[in-house]
Amino acid sequence: GRALRDKLGADRAGRARAVLDDERLPHRGLHALRHDPHEDVHGTACGEADLMIFADSGQIEQILMNLVTNARDAMPRGGRITVKTELFHMDEAFITAHGYGTAGDYALLSVTDTGSGMNSSTKDKIFEPFFTTKEQGKGTGLGLSMVYGAVIQHGGFIDVSSELGAGSTFHIYLPLFGGCMESDRHEAQQNNL
């Protein structure tokens, strides 16, 4: 129902959006580690300049907080979390290979950990509401489903690559502000004929 849609960030009403400088996002994402009791978890942030997105800053920070917290929890014996942004051009070859997307330029936000990784069964369910890998009482199973909903609400895409024992990387593709998608360019060209 509506309550679940609201929790997943699917209700667009009343969401204030602003242009965000993507270069600073990785550093904000690592704030979750500042007062972390896991002293053996270290973070690295790097952002590419001049990537602007039109987004709800609160939701973007919540996405990062959620992914960084999950990454930390996947490394009970310590490890490294890397948060970075970069320019990514999504083309037809990528869309065909991955089964999703719209051609154009995106800000690619990635969160990588050196944790325990996931098997394919877990990866298949990771964005489902109420699915959790945490022990009972330690998580609601809503975190990654809310991340998924917020990314979709921003016109973006999200996926995860992971193998058991090899860590995980979450990739978030958010449309650039001011840039236009190839479909928009094609439509503009058609209108000018």
N, C-alpha and C. Protein backbone atom coordinates (compact mmCIF):
# COMPACT_ATOMS: atom_id res chain seq x y z
N GLY A 1 0.78 -1.18 0.00
CA GLY A 1 0.00 0.00 0.00
C GLY A 1 0.84 1.26 0.00
N ARG A 2 0.18 2.34 0.30
CA ARG A 2 0.82 3.64 0.28
C ARG A 2 1.94 3.75 1.30
N ALA A 3 1.74 3.18 2.50
CA ALA A 3 2.78 3.26 3.54
C ALA A 3 4.08 2.63 3.05
N LEU A 4 3.98 1.48 2.38
CA LEU A 4 5.17 0.83 1.87
C LEU A 4 5.78 1.65 0.74
N ARG A 5 4.94 2.21 -0.17
CA ARG A 5 5.46 3.07 -1.24
C ARG A 5 6.22 4.25 -0.66
N ASP A 6 5.67 4.85 0.42
CA ASP A 6 6.34 5.99 1.04
C ASP A 6 7.69 5.57 1.60
N LYS A 7 7.74 4.42 2.26
CA LYS A 7 9.01 3.94 2.82
C LYS A 7 10.04 3.65 1.74
N LEU A 8 9.59 3.19 0.58
CA LEU A 8 10.50 2.88 -0.51
C LEU A 8 10.90 4.12 -1.30
N GLY A 9 10.37 5.28 -0.95
CA GLY A 9 10.73 6.52 -1.63
C GLY A 9 10.05 6.65 -2.98
N ALA A 10 8.93 5.95 -3.19
CA ALA A 10 8.28 5.96 -4.50
C ALA A 10 7.26 7.08 -4.64
N ASP A 11 6.92 7.75 -3.55
CA ASP A 11 5.96 8.84 -3.62
C ASP A 11 6.70 10.13 -3.94
N ARG A 12 6.45 10.71 -5.10
CA ARG A 12 7.19 11.89 -5.53
C ARG A 12 6.69 13.19 -4.92
N ALA A 13 5.52 13.19 -4.35
CA ALA A 13 4.93 14.43 -3.84
C ALA A 13 5.76 15.01 -2.71
N GLY A 14 6.00 16.29 -2.79
CA GLY A 14 6.66 17.00 -1.69
C GLY A 14 8.15 16.77 -1.58
N ARG A 15 8.78 16.18 -2.56
CA ARG A 15 10.22 15.94 -2.49
C ARG A 15 10.94 17.17 -3.06
N ALA A 16 11.71 17.84 -2.23
CA ALA A 16 12.47 19.00 -2.68
C ALA A 16 13.75 18.51 -3.35
N ARG A 17 14.02 19.01 -4.52
CA ARG A 17 15.22 18.60 -5.25
C ARG A 17 16.09 19.82 -5.50
N ALA A 18 17.37 19.57 -5.59
CA ALA A 18 18.34 20.62 -5.87
C ALA A 18 19.46 20.03 -6.71
N VAL A 19 20.23 20.90 -7.33
CA VAL A 19 21.40 20.45 -8.08
C VAL A 19 22.49 20.14 -7.07
N LEU A 20 23.02 18.93 -7.13
CA LEU A 20 24.08 18.51 -6.21
C LEU A 20 25.39 18.36 -6.97
N ASP A 21 26.47 18.81 -6.35
CA ASP A 21 27.80 18.63 -6.90
C ASP A 21 28.25 17.23 -6.50
N ASP A 22 28.29 16.34 -7.46
CA ASP A 22 28.58 14.93 -7.20
C ASP A 22 29.98 14.70 -6.65
N GLU A 23 30.90 15.65 -6.83
CA GLU A 23 32.28 15.48 -6.37
C GLU A 23 32.35 15.29 -4.86
N ARG A 24 31.44 15.92 -4.11
CA ARG A 24 31.48 15.84 -2.65
C ARG A 24 30.69 14.66 -2.08
N LEU A 25 29.86 14.02 -2.88
CA LEU A 25 29.03 12.93 -2.38
C LEU A 25 29.82 11.80 -1.74
N PRO A 26 30.92 11.32 -2.34
CA PRO A 26 31.63 10.22 -1.71
C PRO A 26 32.10 10.54 -0.29
N HIS A 27 32.53 11.77 -0.06
CA HIS A 27 33.00 12.15 1.27
C HIS A 27 31.86 12.15 2.28
N ARG A 28 30.67 12.61 1.83
CA ARG A 28 29.50 12.59 2.71
C ARG A 28 29.11 11.16 3.06
N GLY A 29 29.26 10.25 2.10
CA GLY A 29 28.90 8.86 2.34
C GLY A 29 29.73 8.20 3.43
N LEU A 30 30.96 8.64 3.57
CA LEU A 30 31.83 8.03 4.57
C LEU A 30 31.64 8.60 5.97
N HIS A 31 30.76 9.59 6.13
CA HIS A 31 30.47 10.14 7.46
C HIS A 31 29.98 9.06 8.41
N ALA A 32 29.35 8.02 7.87
CA ALA A 32 28.84 6.92 8.71
C ALA A 32 29.96 6.22 9.45
N LEU A 33 31.18 6.33 8.95
CA LEU A 33 32.31 5.65 9.59
C LEU A 33 33.02 6.50 10.63
N ARG A 34 32.68 7.77 10.75
CA ARG A 34 33.42 8.67 11.64
C ARG A 34 33.37 8.24 13.10
N HIS A 35 32.23 7.80 13.55
CA HIS A 35 32.10 7.40 14.95
C HIS A 35 31.84 5.91 15.05
N ASP A 36 32.49 5.16 14.17
CA ASP A 36 32.24 3.72 14.08
C ASP A 36 33.09 2.95 15.07
N PRO A 37 32.50 2.02 15.80
CA PRO A 37 33.27 1.22 16.74
C PRO A 37 34.19 0.21 16.04
N HIS A 38 33.99 -0.05 14.76
CA HIS A 38 34.83 -0.98 14.00
C HIS A 38 36.11 -0.25 13.58
N GLU A 39 37.11 -0.27 14.40
CA GLU A 39 38.33 0.50 14.12
C GLU A 39 39.09 -0.03 12.91
N ASP A 40 38.83 -1.29 12.52
CA ASP A 40 39.57 -1.88 11.41
C ASP A 40 38.90 -1.66 10.06
N VAL A 41 37.84 -0.85 10.03
CA VAL A 41 37.18 -0.51 8.77
C VAL A 41 37.68 0.86 8.34
N HIS A 42 38.24 0.93 7.15
CA HIS A 42 38.80 2.18 6.64
C HIS A 42 38.06 2.59 5.38
N GLY A 43 37.94 3.89 5.18
CA GLY A 43 37.20 4.40 4.03
C GLY A 43 38.05 5.24 3.13
N THR A 44 37.75 5.18 1.85
CA THR A 44 38.39 6.00 0.84
C THR A 44 37.29 6.63 0.00
N ALA A 45 37.43 7.91 -0.31
CA ALA A 45 36.44 8.60 -1.14
C ALA A 45 37.16 9.35 -2.25
N CYS A 46 36.63 9.24 -3.44
CA CYS A 46 37.15 10.05 -4.54
C CYS A 46 36.01 10.38 -5.48
N GLY A 47 35.97 11.63 -5.89
CA GLY A 47 34.89 12.07 -6.76
C GLY A 47 35.42 12.81 -7.96
N GLU A 48 34.78 12.60 -9.07
CA GLU A 48 35.13 13.29 -10.30
C GLU A 48 34.44 14.64 -10.32
N ALA A 49 35.16 15.66 -10.67
CA ALA A 49 34.61 17.01 -10.70
C ALA A 49 33.62 17.18 -11.85
N ASP A 50 32.79 18.19 -11.74
CA ASP A 50 31.88 18.60 -12.80
C ASP A 50 30.79 17.59 -13.14
N LEU A 51 30.41 16.76 -12.18
CA LEU A 51 29.27 15.87 -12.36
C LEU A 51 28.14 16.43 -11.51
N MET A 52 27.11 16.94 -12.17
CA MET A 52 26.00 17.54 -11.45
C MET A 52 24.75 16.69 -11.66
N ILE A 53 24.03 16.44 -10.56
CA ILE A 53 22.78 15.70 -10.64
C ILE A 53 21.68 16.54 -10.00
N PHE A 54 20.46 16.34 -10.43
CA PHE A 54 19.30 17.02 -9.89
C PHE A 54 18.62 16.01 -8.97
N ALA A 55 18.75 16.22 -7.65
CA ALA A 55 18.33 15.16 -6.73
C ALA A 55 17.89 15.71 -5.39
N ASP A 56 17.19 14.89 -4.64
CA ASP A 56 16.82 15.15 -3.26
C ASP A 56 18.05 14.82 -2.42
N SER A 57 18.73 15.83 -1.89
CA SER A 57 19.99 15.60 -1.19
C SER A 57 19.82 14.69 0.03
N GLY A 58 18.68 14.79 0.70
CA GLY A 58 18.43 13.92 1.85
C GLY A 58 18.35 12.46 1.44
N GLN A 59 17.68 12.20 0.32
CA GLN A 59 17.58 10.82 -0.15
C GLN A 59 18.93 10.30 -0.63
N ILE A 60 19.71 11.12 -1.30
CA ILE A 60 21.02 10.68 -1.79
C ILE A 60 21.93 10.37 -0.60
N GLU A 61 21.89 11.22 0.42
CA GLU A 61 22.70 10.93 1.61
C GLU A 61 22.23 9.67 2.32
N GLN A 62 20.91 9.43 2.33
CA GLN A 62 20.37 8.21 2.94
C GLN A 62 20.83 6.98 2.15
N ILE A 63 20.85 7.08 0.84
CA ILE A 63 21.34 5.99 0.00
C ILE A 63 22.78 5.65 0.39
N LEU A 64 23.61 6.68 0.44
CA LEU A 64 25.02 6.47 0.78
C LEU A 64 25.19 5.90 2.19
N MET A 65 24.46 6.46 3.15
CA MET A 65 24.55 6.00 4.53
C MET A 65 24.19 4.52 4.61
N ASN A 66 23.12 4.15 3.92
CA ASN A 66 22.67 2.77 3.92
C ASN A 66 23.70 1.83 3.32
N LEU A 67 24.24 2.19 2.16
CA LEU A 67 25.22 1.34 1.50
C LEU A 67 26.52 1.23 2.29
N VAL A 68 26.97 2.34 2.86
CA VAL A 68 28.21 2.32 3.65
C VAL A 68 28.00 1.50 4.93
N THR A 69 26.85 1.65 5.57
CA THR A 69 26.56 0.88 6.79
C THR A 69 26.52 -0.62 6.47
N ASN A 70 25.85 -0.98 5.39
CA ASN A 70 25.81 -2.40 5.00
C ASN A 70 27.19 -2.92 4.66
N ALA A 71 28.00 -2.11 3.99
CA ALA A 71 29.36 -2.52 3.66
C ALA A 71 30.17 -2.75 4.94
N ARG A 72 30.05 -1.86 5.88
CA ARG A 72 30.74 -2.01 7.17
C ARG A 72 30.31 -3.30 7.86
N ASP A 73 29.00 -3.57 7.86
CA ASP A 73 28.48 -4.77 8.51
C ASP A 73 28.95 -6.05 7.83
N ALA A 74 29.30 -5.97 6.55
CA ALA A 74 29.79 -7.14 5.82
C ALA A 74 31.26 -7.42 6.11
N MET A 75 31.88 -6.56 6.94
CA MET A 75 33.31 -6.72 7.25
C MET A 75 33.53 -6.76 8.76
N PRO A 76 33.06 -7.78 9.46
CA PRO A 76 33.19 -7.81 10.91
C PRO A 76 34.65 -7.84 11.40
N ARG A 77 35.56 -8.28 10.53
CA ARG A 77 36.98 -8.32 10.92
C ARG A 77 37.76 -7.16 10.31
N GLY A 78 37.05 -6.20 9.77
CA GLY A 78 37.72 -5.05 9.18
C GLY A 78 37.82 -5.16 7.67
N GLY A 79 38.26 -4.09 7.06
CA GLY A 79 38.41 -4.05 5.61
C GLY A 79 38.37 -2.64 5.10
N ARG A 80 38.11 -2.49 3.82
CA ARG A 80 38.12 -1.17 3.18
C ARG A 80 36.81 -0.95 2.44
N ILE A 81 36.30 0.28 2.58
CA ILE A 81 35.14 0.74 1.84
C ILE A 81 35.59 1.87 0.94
N THR A 82 35.26 1.79 -0.32
CA THR A 82 35.60 2.85 -1.26
C THR A 82 34.31 3.40 -1.86
N VAL A 83 34.15 4.71 -1.77
CA VAL A 83 32.99 5.40 -2.35
C VAL A 83 33.54 6.35 -3.40
N LYS A 84 33.03 6.22 -4.62
CA LYS A 84 33.54 7.12 -5.66
C LYS A 84 32.46 7.48 -6.66
N THR A 85 32.69 8.57 -7.35
CA THR A 85 31.83 9.01 -8.44
C THR A 85 32.69 9.17 -9.68
N GLU A 86 32.06 8.93 -10.82
CA GLU A 86 32.74 9.13 -12.09
C GLU A 86 31.70 9.29 -13.19
N LEU A 87 32.12 9.84 -14.30
CA LEU A 87 31.26 9.98 -15.47
C LEU A 87 31.13 8.61 -16.12
N PHE A 88 29.91 8.25 -16.50
CA PHE A 88 29.67 6.97 -17.17
C PHE A 88 28.76 7.20 -18.35
N HIS A 89 29.16 6.69 -19.51
CA HIS A 89 28.31 6.78 -20.70
C HIS A 89 27.64 5.42 -20.89
N MET A 90 26.32 5.41 -20.77
CA MET A 90 25.55 4.18 -20.95
C MET A 90 25.16 4.10 -22.42
N ASP A 91 25.65 3.06 -23.09
CA ASP A 91 25.34 2.90 -24.51
C ASP A 91 24.50 1.64 -24.73
N GLU A 92 24.14 1.40 -25.97
CA GLU A 92 23.29 0.25 -26.30
C GLU A 92 23.94 -1.07 -25.93
N ALA A 93 25.26 -1.17 -26.05
CA ALA A 93 25.95 -2.41 -25.70
C ALA A 93 25.79 -2.70 -24.20
N PHE A 94 25.92 -1.67 -23.37
CA PHE A 94 25.72 -1.84 -21.92
C PHE A 94 24.29 -2.26 -21.63
N ILE A 95 23.34 -1.59 -22.25
CA ILE A 95 21.92 -1.88 -22.02
C ILE A 95 21.60 -3.33 -22.41
N THR A 96 22.12 -3.77 -23.53
CA THR A 96 21.89 -5.14 -23.98
C THR A 96 22.53 -6.14 -23.01
N ALA A 97 23.75 -5.87 -22.57
CA ALA A 97 24.46 -6.79 -21.67
C ALA A 97 23.82 -6.86 -20.29
N HIS A 98 23.27 -5.74 -19.80
CA HIS A 98 22.75 -5.70 -18.43
C HIS A 98 21.23 -5.82 -18.33
N GLY A 99 20.54 -5.60 -19.43
CA GLY A 99 19.10 -5.76 -19.43
C GLY A 99 18.33 -4.57 -18.85
N TYR A 100 18.97 -3.43 -18.73
CA TYR A 100 18.30 -2.23 -18.24
C TYR A 100 19.04 -1.01 -18.75
N GLY A 101 18.40 0.15 -18.62
CA GLY A 101 19.07 1.41 -18.90
C GLY A 101 18.41 2.21 -19.99
N THR A 102 18.86 3.45 -20.08
CA THR A 102 18.50 4.38 -21.13
C THR A 102 19.81 5.04 -21.56
N ALA A 103 20.09 5.04 -22.84
CA ALA A 103 21.36 5.57 -23.33
C ALA A 103 21.54 7.03 -22.91
N GLY A 104 22.75 7.37 -22.52
CA GLY A 104 23.08 8.73 -22.14
C GLY A 104 24.22 8.78 -21.14
N ASP A 105 24.50 9.98 -20.65
CA ASP A 105 25.58 10.18 -19.67
C ASP A 105 25.01 10.20 -18.26
N TYR A 106 25.73 9.58 -17.34
CA TYR A 106 25.29 9.44 -15.95
C TYR A 106 26.45 9.75 -15.00
N ALA A 107 26.08 10.13 -13.80
CA ALA A 107 27.02 10.12 -12.69
C ALA A 107 26.94 8.71 -12.12
N LEU A 108 28.05 8.00 -12.13
CA LEU A 108 28.11 6.66 -11.57
C LEU A 108 28.66 6.77 -10.16
N LEU A 109 27.84 6.40 -9.20
CA LEU A 109 28.22 6.39 -7.79
C LEU A 109 28.42 4.93 -7.41
N SER A 110 29.60 4.58 -6.94
CA SER A 110 29.83 3.19 -6.56
C SER A 110 30.32 3.11 -5.12
N VAL A 111 29.85 2.06 -4.44
CA VAL A 111 30.27 1.76 -3.07
C VAL A 111 30.81 0.34 -3.09
N THR A 112 32.10 0.19 -2.80
CA THR A 112 32.77 -1.10 -2.86
C THR A 112 33.30 -1.45 -1.47
N ASP A 113 33.14 -2.73 -1.10
CA ASP A 113 33.71 -3.20 0.17
C ASP A 113 34.54 -4.45 -0.07
N THR A 114 35.40 -4.75 0.87
CA THR A 114 36.23 -5.95 0.82
C THR A 114 35.68 -7.02 1.76
N GLY A 115 34.36 -7.01 1.93
CA GLY A 115 33.70 -7.91 2.87
C GLY A 115 33.47 -9.31 2.34
N SER A 116 32.50 -9.98 2.94
CA SER A 116 32.25 -11.39 2.70
C SER A 116 31.62 -11.69 1.34
N GLY A 117 31.04 -10.70 0.68
CA GLY A 117 30.42 -10.91 -0.61
C GLY A 117 29.09 -11.62 -0.50
N MET A 118 28.46 -11.89 -1.64
CA MET A 118 27.14 -12.52 -1.68
C MET A 118 27.11 -13.62 -2.73
N ASN A 119 26.28 -14.62 -2.47
CA ASN A 119 26.05 -15.63 -3.49
C ASN A 119 24.96 -15.13 -4.43
N SER A 120 24.72 -15.85 -5.53
CA SER A 120 23.76 -15.39 -6.53
C SER A 120 22.33 -15.37 -5.99
N SER A 121 21.99 -16.28 -5.10
CA SER A 121 20.64 -16.30 -4.51
C SER A 121 20.38 -15.02 -3.71
N THR A 122 21.36 -14.60 -2.94
CA THR A 122 21.23 -13.37 -2.16
C THR A 122 21.15 -12.16 -3.09
N LYS A 123 22.01 -12.12 -4.11
CA LYS A 123 21.99 -10.99 -5.06
C LYS A 123 20.63 -10.87 -5.74
N ASP A 124 20.00 -12.00 -6.04
CA ASP A 124 18.70 -11.97 -6.71
C ASP A 124 17.60 -11.35 -5.86
N LYS A 125 17.74 -11.40 -4.53
CA LYS A 125 16.69 -10.91 -3.62
C LYS A 125 17.08 -9.64 -2.87
N ILE A 126 18.27 -9.14 -3.10
CA ILE A 126 18.84 -8.09 -2.24
C ILE A 126 17.99 -6.82 -2.17
N PHE A 127 17.24 -6.48 -3.22
CA PHE A 127 16.45 -5.25 -3.21
C PHE A 127 14.98 -5.47 -2.84
N GLU A 128 14.62 -6.70 -2.48
CA GLU A 128 13.24 -7.00 -2.10
C GLU A 128 12.93 -6.47 -0.70
N PRO A 129 11.73 -5.89 -0.52
CA PRO A 129 11.35 -5.43 0.83
C PRO A 129 11.35 -6.59 1.82
N PHE A 130 11.86 -6.31 3.00
CA PHE A 130 11.90 -7.23 4.14
C PHE A 130 12.90 -8.36 3.98
N PHE A 131 13.69 -8.39 2.91
CA PHE A 131 14.75 -9.38 2.79
C PHE A 131 15.96 -8.87 3.55
N THR A 132 16.55 -9.69 4.39
CA THR A 132 17.74 -9.30 5.13
C THR A 132 18.67 -10.49 5.27
N THR A 133 19.95 -10.19 5.32
CA THR A 133 20.94 -11.22 5.59
C THR A 133 21.40 -11.14 7.04
N LYS A 134 20.88 -10.17 7.76
CA LYS A 134 21.29 -9.97 9.15
C LYS A 134 20.49 -10.88 10.08
N GLU A 135 21.07 -11.16 11.24
CA GLU A 135 20.37 -12.01 12.19
C GLU A 135 19.13 -11.30 12.72
N GLN A 136 18.19 -12.09 13.22
CA GLN A 136 16.92 -11.55 13.68
C GLN A 136 17.13 -10.45 14.71
N GLY A 137 16.39 -9.35 14.53
CA GLY A 137 16.51 -8.21 15.44
C GLY A 137 17.59 -7.21 15.06
N LYS A 138 18.40 -7.51 14.04
CA LYS A 138 19.51 -6.63 13.66
C LYS A 138 19.21 -5.78 12.43
N GLY A 139 18.12 -6.07 11.73
CA GLY A 139 17.80 -5.29 10.54
C GLY A 139 16.36 -5.52 10.13
N THR A 140 15.79 -4.53 9.45
CA THR A 140 14.38 -4.63 9.04
C THR A 140 14.21 -5.23 7.66
N GLY A 141 15.28 -5.23 6.87
CA GLY A 141 15.15 -5.67 5.50
C GLY A 141 14.57 -4.61 4.59
N LEU A 142 14.48 -3.37 5.06
CA LEU A 142 13.94 -2.29 4.24
C LEU A 142 15.02 -1.39 3.64
N GLY A 143 16.23 -1.43 4.18
CA GLY A 143 17.28 -0.51 3.75
C GLY A 143 17.55 -0.52 2.26
N LEU A 144 17.87 -1.68 1.70
CA LEU A 144 18.21 -1.72 0.28
C LEU A 144 17.00 -1.58 -0.61
N SER A 145 15.81 -1.96 -0.13
CA SER A 145 14.61 -1.72 -0.95
C SER A 145 14.32 -0.22 -0.99
N MET A 146 14.61 0.50 0.09
CA MET A 146 14.44 1.97 0.06
C MET A 146 15.47 2.60 -0.85
N VAL A 147 16.70 2.10 -0.82
CA VAL A 147 17.75 2.59 -1.73
C VAL A 147 17.29 2.40 -3.17
N TYR A 148 16.79 1.21 -3.50
CA TYR A 148 16.31 0.92 -4.84
C TYR A 148 15.20 1.90 -5.24
N GLY A 149 14.22 2.08 -4.37
CA GLY A 149 13.12 2.99 -4.66
C GLY A 149 13.58 4.42 -4.89
N ALA A 150 14.51 4.90 -4.07
CA ALA A 150 15.01 6.27 -4.22
C ALA A 150 15.78 6.44 -5.52
N VAL A 151 16.57 5.45 -5.89
CA VAL A 151 17.33 5.53 -7.14
C VAL A 151 16.37 5.58 -8.33
N ILE A 152 15.37 4.72 -8.33
CA ILE A 152 14.39 4.69 -9.42
C ILE A 152 13.63 6.02 -9.48
N GLN A 153 13.27 6.56 -8.31
CA GLN A 153 12.55 7.85 -8.26
C GLN A 153 13.37 8.96 -8.89
N HIS A 154 14.69 8.87 -8.82
CA HIS A 154 15.56 9.88 -9.40
C HIS A 154 15.87 9.60 -10.88
N GLY A 155 15.17 8.64 -11.46
CA GLY A 155 15.39 8.32 -12.87
C GLY A 155 16.65 7.53 -13.12
N GLY A 156 17.17 6.90 -12.07
CA GLY A 156 18.42 6.17 -12.18
C GLY A 156 18.25 4.67 -12.19
N PHE A 157 19.39 4.01 -12.11
CA PHE A 157 19.45 2.56 -12.12
C PHE A 157 20.45 2.11 -11.05
N ILE A 158 20.27 0.90 -10.53
CA ILE A 158 21.17 0.36 -9.52
C ILE A 158 21.39 -1.11 -9.78
N ASP A 159 22.61 -1.57 -9.55
CA ASP A 159 22.89 -3.00 -9.59
C ASP A 159 24.01 -3.31 -8.60
N VAL A 160 24.25 -4.59 -8.41
CA VAL A 160 25.30 -5.03 -7.49
C VAL A 160 26.10 -6.13 -8.16
N SER A 161 27.40 -6.07 -8.00
CA SER A 161 28.26 -7.17 -8.43
C SER A 161 28.97 -7.68 -7.18
N SER A 162 28.99 -9.00 -7.03
CA SER A 162 29.54 -9.57 -5.80
C SER A 162 29.80 -11.05 -6.00
N GLU A 163 30.80 -11.55 -5.30
CA GLU A 163 31.09 -12.97 -5.23
C GLU A 163 31.44 -13.28 -3.79
N LEU A 164 31.09 -14.49 -3.35
CA LEU A 164 31.43 -14.90 -1.99
C LEU A 164 32.93 -14.79 -1.77
N GLY A 165 33.29 -14.15 -0.67
CA GLY A 165 34.69 -13.98 -0.31
C GLY A 165 35.41 -12.89 -1.07
N ALA A 166 34.73 -12.20 -1.98
CA ALA A 166 35.41 -11.20 -2.82
C ALA A 166 34.80 -9.81 -2.69
N GLY A 167 33.95 -9.58 -1.69
CA GLY A 167 33.37 -8.26 -1.51
C GLY A 167 32.23 -7.97 -2.47
N SER A 168 31.74 -6.74 -2.41
CA SER A 168 30.60 -6.31 -3.22
C SER A 168 30.81 -4.89 -3.71
N THR A 169 30.22 -4.59 -4.85
CA THR A 169 30.17 -3.22 -5.36
C THR A 169 28.75 -2.92 -5.80
N PHE A 170 28.18 -1.86 -5.24
CA PHE A 170 26.88 -1.35 -5.67
C PHE A 170 27.16 -0.21 -6.63
N HIS A 171 26.52 -0.27 -7.80
CA HIS A 171 26.66 0.77 -8.83
C HIS A 171 25.32 1.51 -8.93
N ILE A 172 25.37 2.82 -8.79
CA ILE A 172 24.18 3.66 -8.93
C ILE A 172 24.43 4.63 -10.08
N TYR A 173 23.54 4.60 -11.05
CA TYR A 173 23.64 5.45 -12.23
C TYR A 173 22.57 6.52 -12.13
N LEU A 174 22.97 7.79 -11.96
CA LEU A 174 22.03 8.90 -11.86
C LEU A 174 22.21 9.84 -13.04
N PRO A 175 21.10 10.22 -13.70
CA PRO A 175 21.20 11.10 -14.86
C PRO A 175 21.87 12.43 -14.49
N LEU A 176 22.72 12.90 -15.38
CA LEU A 176 23.38 14.18 -15.15
C LEU A 176 22.40 15.32 -15.33
N PHE A 177 22.56 16.35 -14.52
CA PHE A 177 21.74 17.56 -14.64
C PHE A 177 22.31 18.40 -15.76
N GLY A 178 21.41 18.91 -16.62
CA GLY A 178 21.85 19.77 -17.71
C GLY A 178 22.25 18.99 -18.94
N GLY A 179 22.62 17.73 -18.75
CA GLY A 179 22.91 16.89 -19.90
C GLY A 179 21.60 16.30 -20.38
N CYS A 180 21.56 15.87 -21.61
CA CYS A 180 20.34 15.24 -22.07
C CYS A 180 20.65 13.82 -22.50
N MET A 181 19.66 12.99 -22.38
CA MET A 181 19.81 11.59 -22.74
C MET A 181 19.80 11.50 -24.26
N GLU A 182 20.37 10.41 -24.80
CA GLU A 182 20.41 10.25 -26.25
C GLU A 182 19.01 10.23 -26.84
N SER A 183 18.03 9.68 -26.13
CA SER A 183 16.66 9.67 -26.65
C SER A 183 16.13 11.10 -26.76
N ASP A 184 16.51 11.97 -25.81
CA ASP A 184 16.11 13.38 -25.88
C ASP A 184 16.78 14.07 -27.06
N ARG A 185 18.07 13.73 -27.29
CA ARG A 185 18.78 14.31 -28.42
C ARG A 185 18.12 13.90 -29.73
N HIS A 186 17.78 12.61 -29.83
CA HIS A 186 17.13 12.10 -31.04
C HIS A 186 15.80 12.81 -31.27
N GLU A 187 15.01 12.97 -30.20
CA GLU A 187 13.72 13.66 -30.31
C GLU A 187 13.91 15.10 -30.76
N ALA A 188 14.93 15.78 -30.21
CA ALA A 188 15.22 17.16 -30.57
C ALA A 188 15.61 17.24 -32.06
N GLN A 189 16.43 16.25 -32.49
CA GLN A 189 16.82 16.24 -33.89
C GLN A 189 15.60 16.05 -34.80
N GLN A 190 14.70 15.16 -34.41
CA GLN A 190 13.49 14.90 -35.19
C GLN A 190 12.62 16.15 -35.28
N ASN A 191 12.55 16.90 -34.17
CA ASN A 191 11.72 18.10 -34.14
C ASN A 191 12.30 19.21 -35.01
N ASN A 192 13.62 19.19 -35.22
CA ASN A 192 14.27 20.22 -36.03
C ASN A 192 14.23 19.92 -37.52
N LEU A 193 13.74 18.74 -37.90
CA LEU A 193 13.70 18.38 -39.34
C LEU A 193 12.62 19.11 -40.08
